[in-house]
Amino acid sequence: MDPRLLTPLDEPVLDRFLASHRDSSMFLRANARRAGLAYRGQPFQAIYVAAFEDDKIIGVAAHCWNGLLLVQAPEQTAGLTRACVEWSGRSVTGLSGPLDQVRLARSALGLAGAQAAREGDEWLYALDLTELVVPAALSSGTIVCRAPRHEERDVLCQWRLAYDIETLGAIDSVEHRRRSADFLDTQIANGDAWVAVDAGTLVSLSAFNATLPDIVQLGGIYTPPDLRGRGYAKAAVAASLLAARDRGASRAVLFTSNPSAARTYEALELRRAGDYSLVLFKE
């Protein structure tokens, strides 16, 4: 293997490779399209290193601005991840990608014994949006879903923080409150967040973590504990996917390790498409 550092000239060939693994490449594809392949240490930028065969990429690793290492390397996983980190010269704060590849990369980098703040092995779910099942409560108007309003921001920021604590193992701190609120603000500003409302009361939140013209990735789905089990998340997710379909997307993916959440998604016709992993190391 002779890994090579990618440049902006490689953007088309990288996107073709990632599109062939689109269900598990959302962060890589979205970041590359948003920030390009030149690295200057800015948000969403990364060092991209790829292995080639007959001028086609067969694997890629990206060391992001925040230290997270993203992998889509069905072949040459260990060598690619080592080469990418050597090229970047920075420490690894976490890994994300298909489960088997993350495990190989972690071992190859000598991080198998490193303490993790979060070590999630999750189920990858996917859906062809033509097969979406719309809940009766949404189609009848019993539950209304719409974009968040300005006066609802404080409540939704509390929900997003609660989601990060419950799902990502985050710690309630001033810094994380800021980062959590900034992330939600970006989703709202980009038109990638929806709320479900029942009788005038906010009951659930659905959002996209990443979007591309052909596919969206759901994330940040949250219903307060005392409102769960009533179909609110199902309605919020369905509404967001209907919006994605109207925008031209044909597919949606998400990750979960929660059996209850999985049943909600399966009711909308999302189906298991693989296994994914996100590991965040302790600072």
C-alpha atoms as a PDB file:
ATOM      1  CA  MET A   1       0.000   0.000   0.000  1.00  0.00           C
ATOM      2  CA  ASP A   2       1.196   3.476  -0.898  1.00  0.00           C
ATOM      3  CA  PRO A   3      -1.204   5.908   0.834  1.00  0.00           C
ATOM      4  CA  ARG A   4      -1.459   9.401  -0.550  1.00  0.00           C
ATOM      5  CA  LEU A   5      -2.513  12.724   0.925  1.00  0.00           C
ATOM      6  CA  LEU A   6      -5.584  13.965  -0.929  1.00  0.00           C
ATOM      7  CA  THR A   7      -5.792  17.471  -2.390  1.00  0.00           C
ATOM      8  CA  PRO A   8      -8.736  19.522  -3.680  1.00  0.00           C
ATOM      9  CA  LEU A   9      -8.146  17.957  -7.105  1.00  0.00           C
ATOM     10  CA  ASP A  10      -9.181  14.602  -5.626  1.00  0.00           C
ATOM     11  CA  GLU A  11     -12.641  15.744  -4.512  1.00  0.00           C
ATOM     12  CA  PRO A  12     -14.563  14.046  -7.382  1.00  0.00           C
ATOM     13  CA  VAL A  13     -12.857  10.660  -6.965  1.00  0.00           C
ATOM     14  CA  LEU A  14     -13.283  10.807  -3.191  1.00  0.00           C
ATOM     15  CA  ASP A  15     -16.983  11.560  -3.470  1.00  0.00           C
ATOM     16  CA  ARG A  16     -17.497   8.699  -5.917  1.00  0.00           C
ATOM     17  CA  PHE A  17     -15.862   6.291  -3.481  1.00  0.00           C
ATOM     18  CA  LEU A  18     -17.799   7.569  -0.465  1.00  0.00           C
ATOM     19  CA  ALA A  19     -21.074   7.550  -2.398  1.00  0.00           C
ATOM     20  CA  SER A  20     -20.554   3.831  -2.996  1.00  0.00           C
ATOM     21  CA  HIS A  21     -20.578   3.439   0.817  1.00  0.00           C
ATOM     22  CA  ARG A  22     -23.069   6.215   1.431  1.00  0.00           C
ATOM     23  CA  ASP A  23     -24.955   4.731   4.392  1.00  0.00           C
ATOM     24  CA  SER A  24     -21.835   4.759   6.583  1.00  0.00           C
ATOM     25  CA  SER A  25     -19.980   7.749   5.052  1.00  0.00           C
ATOM     26  CA  MET A  26     -22.239  10.679   5.873  1.00  0.00           C
ATOM     27  CA  PHE A  27     -19.812  12.601   8.086  1.00  0.00           C
ATOM     28  CA  LEU A  28     -16.962  12.123   5.612  1.00  0.00           C
ATOM     29  CA  ARG A  29     -19.013  13.166   2.588  1.00  0.00           C
ATOM     30  CA  ALA A  30     -20.693  16.099   4.317  1.00  0.00           C
ATOM     31  CA  ASN A  31     -17.451  17.467   5.774  1.00  0.00           C
ATOM     32  CA  ALA A  32     -15.577  17.121   2.489  1.00  0.00           C
ATOM     33  CA  ARG A  33     -18.303  18.956   0.589  1.00  0.00           C
ATOM     34  CA  ARG A  34     -18.642  21.631   3.223  1.00  0.00           C
ATOM     35  CA  ALA A  35     -14.971  22.362   3.918  1.00  0.00           C
ATOM     36  CA  GLY A  36     -13.043  20.857   0.997  1.00  0.00           C
ATOM     37  CA  LEU A  37      -9.857  18.798   1.215  1.00  0.00           C
ATOM     38  CA  ALA A  38      -7.368  21.552   2.031  1.00  0.00           C
ATOM     39  CA  TYR A  39      -6.524  21.592   5.751  1.00  0.00           C
ATOM     40  CA  ARG A  40      -6.019  24.845   7.661  1.00  0.00           C
ATOM     41  CA  GLY A  41      -7.303  23.787  11.073  1.00  0.00           C
ATOM     42  CA  GLN A  42     -10.773  25.247  10.597  1.00  0.00           C
ATOM     43  CA  PRO A  43     -14.055  23.567  11.646  1.00  0.00           C
ATOM     44  CA  PHE A  44     -15.072  20.596   9.480  1.00  0.00           C
ATOM     45  CA  GLN A  45     -11.657  20.459   7.778  1.00  0.00           C
ATOM     46  CA  ALA A  46      -9.489  17.346   7.880  1.00  0.00           C
ATOM     47  CA  ILE A  47      -6.341  15.695   6.587  1.00  0.00           C
ATOM     48  CA  TYR A  48      -7.532  13.062   4.087  1.00  0.00           C
ATOM     49  CA  VAL A  49      -5.304  10.093   3.247  1.00  0.00           C
ATOM     50  CA  ALA A  50      -6.412   7.417   0.786  1.00  0.00           C
ATOM     51  CA  ALA A  51      -5.284   4.116  -0.697  1.00  0.00           C
ATOM     52  CA  PHE A  52      -5.691   3.667  -4.461  1.00  0.00           C
ATOM     53  CA  GLU A  53      -6.062   0.778  -6.887  1.00  0.00           C
ATOM     54  CA  ASP A  54      -6.124   1.507 -10.632  1.00  0.00           C
ATOM     55  CA  ASP A  55      -6.723   5.216  -9.936  1.00  0.00           C
ATOM     56  CA  LYS A  56      -9.736   4.401  -7.767  1.00  0.00           C
ATOM     57  CA  ILE A  57      -9.877   4.967  -4.023  1.00  0.00           C
ATOM     58  CA  ILE A  58     -10.294   1.750  -2.042  1.00  0.00           C
ATOM     59  CA  GLY A  59     -10.096   3.265   1.430  1.00  0.00           C
ATOM     60  CA  VAL A  60      -9.807   6.622   3.165  1.00  0.00           C
ATOM     61  CA  ALA A  61      -9.106   7.994   6.623  1.00  0.00           C
ATOM     62  CA  ALA A  62      -9.621  11.603   7.674  1.00  0.00           C
ATOM     63  CA  HIS A  63      -8.147  13.250  10.777  1.00  0.00           C
ATOM     64  CA  CYS A  64     -10.506  16.115  11.563  1.00  0.00           C
ATOM     65  CA  TRP A  65      -9.863  19.558  13.016  1.00  0.00           C
ATOM     66  CA  ASN A  66     -11.205  18.397  16.394  1.00  0.00           C
ATOM     67  CA  GLY A  67      -8.999  15.287  16.577  1.00  0.00           C
ATOM     68  CA  LEU A  68     -11.713  12.817  15.543  1.00  0.00           C
ATOM     69  CA  LEU A  69     -10.529  10.189  13.070  1.00  0.00           C
ATOM     70  CA  LEU A  70     -13.139   9.152  10.488  1.00  0.00           C
ATOM     71  CA  VAL A  71     -12.649   5.919   8.550  1.00  0.00           C
ATOM     72  CA  GLN A  72     -14.176   4.362   5.478  1.00  0.00           C
ATOM     73  CA  ALA A  73     -11.543   1.782   4.687  1.00  0.00           C
ATOM     74  CA  PRO A  74     -12.874  -1.679   3.830  1.00  0.00           C
ATOM     75  CA  GLU A  75      -9.299  -2.399   2.763  1.00  0.00           C
ATOM     76  CA  GLN A  76      -5.958  -1.328   4.288  1.00  0.00           C
ATOM     77  CA  THR A  77      -7.653  -0.052   7.458  1.00  0.00           C
ATOM     78  CA  ALA A  78      -4.663  -0.323   9.775  1.00  0.00           C
ATOM     79  CA  GLY A  79      -2.088   1.111   7.393  1.00  0.00           C
ATOM     80  CA  LEU A  80      -4.327   3.965   6.284  1.00  0.00           C
ATOM     81  CA  THR A  81      -5.202   5.111   9.776  1.00  0.00           C
ATOM     82  CA  ARG A  82      -1.568   5.037  10.899  1.00  0.00           C
ATOM     83  CA  ALA A  83      -0.492   6.963   7.793  1.00  0.00           C
ATOM     84  CA  CYS A  84      -3.242   9.556   8.282  1.00  0.00           C
ATOM     85  CA  VAL A  85      -2.301  10.268  11.902  1.00  0.00           C
ATOM     86  CA  GLU A  86       1.401  10.409  11.042  1.00  0.00           C
ATOM     87  CA  TRP A  87       0.602  12.886   8.277  1.00  0.00           C
ATOM     88  CA  SER A  88      -1.471  15.114  10.556  1.00  0.00           C
ATOM     89  CA  GLY A  89       0.929  14.995  13.506  1.00  0.00           C
ATOM     90  CA  ARG A  90      -1.953  15.519  15.930  1.00  0.00           C
ATOM     91  CA  SER A  91      -3.461  13.430  18.701  1.00  0.00           C
ATOM     92  CA  VAL A  92      -6.581  11.336  18.176  1.00  0.00           C
ATOM     93  CA  THR A  93      -9.565  12.319  20.341  1.00  0.00           C
ATOM     94  CA  GLY A  94     -11.907   9.664  18.986  1.00  0.00           C
ATOM     95  CA  LEU A  95     -12.800   7.383  16.089  1.00  0.00           C
ATOM     96  CA  SER A  96     -15.913   6.968  13.993  1.00  0.00           C
ATOM     97  CA  GLY A  97     -16.911   4.647  11.187  1.00  0.00           C
ATOM     98  CA  PRO A  98     -18.087   1.088  10.487  1.00  0.00           C
ATOM     99  CA  LEU A  99     -17.678  -0.974  13.657  1.00  0.00           C
ATOM    100  CA  ASP A 100     -15.133  -3.493  12.380  1.00  0.00           C
ATOM    101  CA  GLN A 101     -12.997  -0.735  10.875  1.00  0.00           C
ATOM    102  CA  VAL A 102     -13.020   1.360  14.061  1.00  0.00           C
ATOM    103  CA  ARG A 103     -11.851  -1.648  16.052  1.00  0.00           C
ATOM    104  CA  LEU A 104      -9.021  -2.308  13.608  1.00  0.00           C
ATOM    105  CA  ALA A 105      -8.017   1.360  13.538  1.00  0.00           C
ATOM    106  CA  ARG A 106      -8.037   1.655  17.312  1.00  0.00           C
ATOM    107  CA  SER A 107      -5.768  -1.353  17.655  1.00  0.00           C
ATOM    108  CA  ALA A 108      -3.452  -0.177  14.876  1.00  0.00           C
ATOM    109  CA  LEU A 109      -3.025   3.197  16.604  1.00  0.00           C
ATOM    110  CA  GLY A 110      -2.200   1.579  19.931  1.00  0.00           C
ATOM    111  CA  LEU A 111      -5.376   2.951  21.516  1.00  0.00           C
ATOM    112  CA  ALA A 112      -7.064  -0.328  22.415  1.00  0.00           C
ATOM    113  CA  GLY A 113      -6.446   0.314  26.100  1.00  0.00           C
ATOM    114  CA  ALA A 114      -7.120   4.057  26.066  1.00  0.00           C
ATOM    115  CA  GLN A 115      -9.928   5.159  28.393  1.00  0.00           C
ATOM    116  CA  ALA A 116     -13.042   6.272  26.569  1.00  0.00           C
ATOM    117  CA  ALA A 117     -15.643   8.780  27.693  1.00  0.00           C
ATOM    118  CA  ARG A 118     -17.968   7.165  25.183  1.00  0.00           C
ATOM    119  CA  GLU A 119     -17.624   3.804  23.488  1.00  0.00           C
ATOM    120  CA  GLY A 120     -20.716   3.225  21.435  1.00  0.00           C
ATOM    121  CA  ASP A 121     -21.352   0.253  19.192  1.00  0.00           C
ATOM    122  CA  GLU A 122     -24.534   1.180  17.378  1.00  0.00           C
ATOM    123  CA  TRP A 123     -26.943  -0.254  14.852  1.00  0.00           C
ATOM    124  CA  LEU A 124     -26.975   1.484  11.503  1.00  0.00           C
ATOM    125  CA  TYR A 125     -30.509   1.955  10.154  1.00  0.00           C
ATOM    126  CA  ALA A 126     -31.389   3.063   6.626  1.00  0.00           C
ATOM    127  CA  LEU A 127     -34.532   3.864   4.668  1.00  0.00           C
ATOM    128  CA  ASP A 128     -35.464   4.419   1.049  1.00  0.00           C
ATOM    129  CA  LEU A 129     -37.692   7.475   1.524  1.00  0.00           C
ATOM    130  CA  THR A 130     -40.300   6.148  -0.918  1.00  0.00           C
ATOM    131  CA  GLU A 131     -41.010   3.461   1.697  1.00  0.00           C
ATOM    132  CA  LEU A 132     -41.566   5.822   4.632  1.00  0.00           C
ATOM    133  CA  VAL A 133     -44.664   4.997   6.683  1.00  0.00           C
ATOM    134  CA  VAL A 134     -46.340   8.190   7.910  1.00  0.00           C
ATOM    135  CA  PRO A 135     -47.932   7.850  11.382  1.00  0.00           C
ATOM    136  CA  ALA A 136     -51.680   8.418  11.501  1.00  0.00           C
ATOM    137  CA  ALA A 137     -51.313  11.074  14.216  1.00  0.00           C
ATOM    138  CA  LEU A 138     -49.144  13.135  11.845  1.00  0.00           C
ATOM    139  CA  SER A 139     -51.204  12.637   8.692  1.00  0.00           C
ATOM    140  CA  SER A 140     -54.430  13.461  10.561  1.00  0.00           C
ATOM    141  CA  GLY A 141     -52.984  16.600  12.130  1.00  0.00           C
ATOM    142  CA  THR A 142     -53.429  15.340  15.702  1.00  0.00           C
ATOM    143  CA  ILE A 143     -49.709  16.015  16.131  1.00  0.00           C
ATOM    144  CA  VAL A 144     -48.327  19.025  14.277  1.00  0.00           C
ATOM    145  CA  CYS A 145     -44.678  19.180  13.217  1.00  0.00           C
ATOM    146  CA  ARG A 146     -42.953  22.372  12.154  1.00  0.00           C
ATOM    147  CA  ALA A 147     -39.737  24.366  12.361  1.00  0.00           C
ATOM    148  CA  PRO A 148     -38.789  25.639  15.842  1.00  0.00           C
ATOM    149  CA  ARG A 149     -39.709  29.191  16.813  1.00  0.00           C
ATOM    150  CA  HIS A 150     -37.320  31.720  18.336  1.00  0.00           C
ATOM    151  CA  GLU A 151     -39.099  31.737  21.690  1.00  0.00           C
ATOM    152  CA  GLU A 152     -38.677  27.934  21.933  1.00  0.00           C
ATOM    153  CA  ARG A 153     -34.876  28.030  21.718  1.00  0.00           C
ATOM    154  CA  ASP A 154     -34.164  27.851  25.460  1.00  0.00           C
ATOM    155  CA  VAL A 155     -36.301  24.747  25.911  1.00  0.00           C
ATOM    156  CA  LEU A 156     -34.777  23.082  22.877  1.00  0.00           C
ATOM    157  CA  CYS A 157     -31.247  23.875  24.056  1.00  0.00           C
ATOM    158  CA  GLN A 158     -32.087  22.120  27.323  1.00  0.00           C
ATOM    159  CA  TRP A 159     -33.356  19.156  25.322  1.00  0.00           C
ATOM    160  CA  ARG A 160     -30.224  19.058  23.162  1.00  0.00           C
ATOM    161  CA  LEU A 161     -28.008  19.088  26.251  1.00  0.00           C
ATOM    162  CA  ALA A 162     -30.099  16.316  27.810  1.00  0.00           C
ATOM    163  CA  TYR A 163     -29.703  14.327  24.581  1.00  0.00           C
ATOM    164  CA  ASP A 164     -25.919  14.770  24.643  1.00  0.00           C
ATOM    165  CA  ILE A 165     -25.757  13.641  28.272  1.00  0.00           C
ATOM    166  CA  GLU A 166     -28.071  10.660  27.793  1.00  0.00           C
ATOM    167  CA  THR A 167     -26.843   9.481  24.404  1.00  0.00           C
ATOM    168  CA  LEU A 168     -23.261  10.705  24.057  1.00  0.00           C
ATOM    169  CA  GLY A 169     -22.152  10.550  27.682  1.00  0.00           C
ATOM    170  CA  ALA A 170     -21.521  14.290  27.827  1.00  0.00           C
ATOM    171  CA  ILE A 171     -20.939  16.136  31.104  1.00  0.00           C
ATOM    172  CA  ASP A 172     -23.069  19.127  32.046  1.00  0.00           C
ATOM    173  CA  SER A 173     -20.607  22.014  31.906  1.00  0.00           C
ATOM    174  CA  VAL A 174     -20.569  25.606  30.728  1.00  0.00           C
ATOM    175  CA  GLU A 175     -18.428  24.663  27.742  1.00  0.00           C
ATOM    176  CA  HIS A 176     -20.617  21.756  26.697  1.00  0.00           C
ATOM    177  CA  ARG A 177     -23.769  23.831  27.110  1.00  0.00           C
ATOM    178  CA  ARG A 178     -22.249  26.339  24.694  1.00  0.00           C
ATOM    179  CA  ARG A 179     -21.208  23.708  22.159  1.00  0.00           C
ATOM    180  CA  SER A 180     -24.553  21.945  22.392  1.00  0.00           C
ATOM    181  CA  ALA A 181     -26.456  25.204  21.868  1.00  0.00           C
ATOM    182  CA  ASP A 182     -24.217  26.201  18.951  1.00  0.00           C
ATOM    183  CA  PHE A 183     -24.825  22.855  17.256  1.00  0.00           C
ATOM    184  CA  LEU A 184     -28.591  23.175  17.656  1.00  0.00           C
ATOM    185  CA  ASP A 185     -28.533  26.795  16.465  1.00  0.00           C
ATOM    186  CA  THR A 186     -26.750  25.671  13.297  1.00  0.00           C
ATOM    187  CA  GLN A 187     -29.309  22.937  12.680  1.00  0.00           C
ATOM    188  CA  ILE A 188     -32.149  25.415  13.117  1.00  0.00           C
ATOM    189  CA  ALA A 189     -30.479  28.056  10.924  1.00  0.00           C
ATOM    190  CA  ASN A 190     -29.959  25.465   8.165  1.00  0.00           C
ATOM    191  CA  GLY A 191     -33.592  24.353   8.315  1.00  0.00           C
ATOM    192  CA  ASP A 192     -32.556  20.952   9.657  1.00  0.00           C
ATOM    193  CA  ALA A 193     -34.611  20.815  12.865  1.00  0.00           C
ATOM    194  CA  TRP A 194     -38.300  20.092  13.498  1.00  0.00           C
ATOM    195  CA  VAL A 195     -40.484  19.988  16.591  1.00  0.00           C
ATOM    196  CA  ALA A 196     -43.616  17.974  17.244  1.00  0.00           C
ATOM    197  CA  VAL A 197     -46.427  19.859  18.982  1.00  0.00           C
ATOM    198  CA  ASP A 198     -49.440  18.312  20.715  1.00  0.00           C
ATOM    199  CA  ALA A 199     -52.243  20.653  21.792  1.00  0.00           C
ATOM    200  CA  GLY A 200     -49.847  23.609  21.711  1.00  0.00           C
ATOM    201  CA  THR A 201     -47.138  21.912  23.780  1.00  0.00           C
ATOM    202  CA  LEU A 202     -43.674  20.975  22.488  1.00  0.00           C
ATOM    203  CA  VAL A 203     -43.310  17.216  22.798  1.00  0.00           C
ATOM    204  CA  SER A 204     -40.386  16.063  20.622  1.00  0.00           C
ATOM    205  CA  LEU A 205     -37.409  17.194  18.535  1.00  0.00           C
ATOM    206  CA  SER A 206     -35.961  15.705  15.356  1.00  0.00           C
ATOM    207  CA  ALA A 207     -32.966  16.985  13.399  1.00  0.00           C
ATOM    208  CA  PHE A 208     -30.342  16.142  10.797  1.00  0.00           C
ATOM    209  CA  ASN A 209     -26.691  15.811  11.790  1.00  0.00           C
ATOM    210  CA  ALA A 210     -25.572  15.788   8.165  1.00  0.00           C
ATOM    211  CA  THR A 211     -27.255  16.417   4.830  1.00  0.00           C
ATOM    212  CA  LEU A 212     -26.371  15.802   1.202  1.00  0.00           C
ATOM    213  CA  PRO A 213     -28.507  16.181  -1.918  1.00  0.00           C
ATOM    214  CA  ASP A 214     -29.254  12.443  -2.023  1.00  0.00           C
ATOM    215  CA  ILE A 215     -29.206  11.404   1.648  1.00  0.00           C
ATOM    216  CA  VAL A 216     -29.714  12.750   5.167  1.00  0.00           C
ATOM    217  CA  GLN A 217     -28.534  11.536   8.547  1.00  0.00           C
ATOM    218  CA  LEU A 218     -30.860  11.887  11.497  1.00  0.00           C
ATOM    219  CA  GLY A 219     -29.464  12.872  14.892  1.00  0.00           C
ATOM    220  CA  GLY A 220     -30.402  14.701  18.066  1.00  0.00           C
ATOM    221  CA  ILE A 221     -33.820  13.041  18.241  1.00  0.00           C
ATOM    222  CA  TYR A 222     -35.182  13.744  21.704  1.00  0.00           C
ATOM    223  CA  THR A 223     -38.422  13.400  23.661  1.00  0.00           C
ATOM    224  CA  PRO A 224     -38.522  14.292  27.382  1.00  0.00           C
ATOM    225  CA  PRO A 225     -38.724  11.112  29.495  1.00  0.00           C
ATOM    226  CA  ASP A 226     -42.226  11.855  30.835  1.00  0.00           C
ATOM    227  CA  LEU A 227     -43.568  12.171  27.273  1.00  0.00           C
ATOM    228  CA  ARG A 228     -42.095   9.005  25.811  1.00  0.00           C
ATOM    229  CA  GLY A 229     -44.141   6.070  24.551  1.00  0.00           C
ATOM    230  CA  ARG A 230     -46.838   8.250  22.999  1.00  0.00           C
ATOM    231  CA  GLY A 231     -45.645   8.280  19.372  1.00  0.00           C
ATOM    232  CA  TYR A 232     -44.224  11.813  19.500  1.00  0.00           C
ATOM    233  CA  ALA A 233     -40.718  10.926  18.284  1.00  0.00           C
ATOM    234  CA  LYS A 234     -42.238   8.826  15.519  1.00  0.00           C
ATOM    235  CA  ALA A 235     -44.203  11.836  14.270  1.00  0.00           C
ATOM    236  CA  ALA A 236     -41.242  14.218  14.533  1.00  0.00           C
ATOM    237  CA  VAL A 237     -38.911  11.872  12.662  1.00  0.00           C
ATOM    238  CA  ALA A 238     -41.492  11.174   9.954  1.00  0.00           C
ATOM    239  CA  ALA A 239     -42.082  14.892   9.440  1.00  0.00           C
ATOM    240  CA  SER A 240     -38.371  15.572   9.057  1.00  0.00           C
ATOM    241  CA  LEU A 241     -38.045  12.737   6.540  1.00  0.00           C
ATOM    242  CA  LEU A 242     -41.001  14.024   4.539  1.00  0.00           C
ATOM    243  CA  ALA A 243     -39.233  17.387   4.377  1.00  0.00           C
ATOM    244  CA  ALA A 244     -36.021  15.687   3.220  1.00  0.00           C
ATOM    245  CA  ARG A 245     -37.947  13.849   0.512  1.00  0.00           C
ATOM    246  CA  ASP A 246     -39.523  17.099  -0.646  1.00  0.00           C
ATOM    247  CA  ARG A 247     -36.028  18.589  -0.936  1.00  0.00           C
ATOM    248  CA  GLY A 248     -34.962  15.766  -3.244  1.00  0.00           C
ATOM    249  CA  ALA A 249     -33.251  13.285  -0.919  1.00  0.00           C
ATOM    250  CA  SER A 250     -33.956   9.619  -1.593  1.00  0.00           C
ATOM    251  CA  ARG A 251     -32.461   7.974   1.489  1.00  0.00           C
ATOM    252  CA  ALA A 252     -32.019   8.479   5.232  1.00  0.00           C
ATOM    253  CA  VAL A 253     -29.760   6.874   7.821  1.00  0.00           C
ATOM    254  CA  LEU A 254     -29.332   6.997  11.589  1.00  0.00           C
ATOM    255  CA  PHE A 255     -27.502   5.222  14.393  1.00  0.00           C
ATOM    256  CA  THR A 256     -28.885   3.934  17.676  1.00  0.00           C
ATOM    257  CA  SER A 257     -28.168   1.386  20.376  1.00  0.00           C
ATOM    258  CA  ASN A 258     -31.477   1.969  22.155  1.00  0.00           C
ATOM    259  CA  PRO A 259     -33.978  -0.899  21.612  1.00  0.00           C
ATOM    260  CA  SER A 260     -36.967   1.357  22.294  1.00  0.00           C
ATOM    261  CA  ALA A 261     -35.759   3.952  19.781  1.00  0.00           C
ATOM    262  CA  ALA A 262     -35.055   1.167  17.292  1.00  0.00           C
ATOM    263  CA  ARG A 263     -38.694   0.026  17.490  1.00  0.00           C
ATOM    264  CA  THR A 264     -39.805   3.584  16.745  1.00  0.00           C
ATOM    265  CA  TYR A 265     -37.623   3.729  13.646  1.00  0.00           C
ATOM    266  CA  GLU A 266     -38.664   0.269  12.494  1.00  0.00           C
ATOM    267  CA  ALA A 267     -42.301   1.387  12.653  1.00  0.00           C
ATOM    268  CA  LEU A 268     -41.380   3.990  10.031  1.00  0.00           C
ATOM    269  CA  GLU A 269     -39.788   1.203   7.902  1.00  0.00           C
ATOM    270  CA  LEU A 270     -36.138   1.963   8.688  1.00  0.00           C
ATOM    271  CA  ARG A 271     -34.177  -1.282   8.602  1.00  0.00           C
ATOM    272  CA  ARG A 272     -30.818  -2.485   9.925  1.00  0.00           C
ATOM    273  CA  ALA A 273     -28.069  -1.900   7.375  1.00  0.00           C
ATOM    274  CA  GLY A 274     -24.941  -2.611   9.399  1.00  0.00           C
ATOM    275  CA  ASP A 275     -23.073  -1.667  12.548  1.00  0.00           C
ATOM    276  CA  TYR A 276     -21.365   1.607  13.362  1.00  0.00           C
ATOM    277  CA  SER A 277     -19.104   2.887  16.126  1.00  0.00           C
ATOM    278  CA  LEU A 278     -18.254   6.192  17.757  1.00  0.00           C
ATOM    279  CA  VAL A 279     -15.467   6.225  20.340  1.00  0.00           C
ATOM    280  CA  LEU A 280     -14.588   9.407  22.236  1.00  0.00           C
ATOM    281  CA  PHE A 281     -11.514   9.273  24.428  1.00  0.00           C
ATOM    282  CA  LYS A 282     -11.286  10.946  27.827  1.00  0.00           C
ATOM    283  CA  GLU A 283      -9.427  14.236  27.778  1.00  0.00           C
END
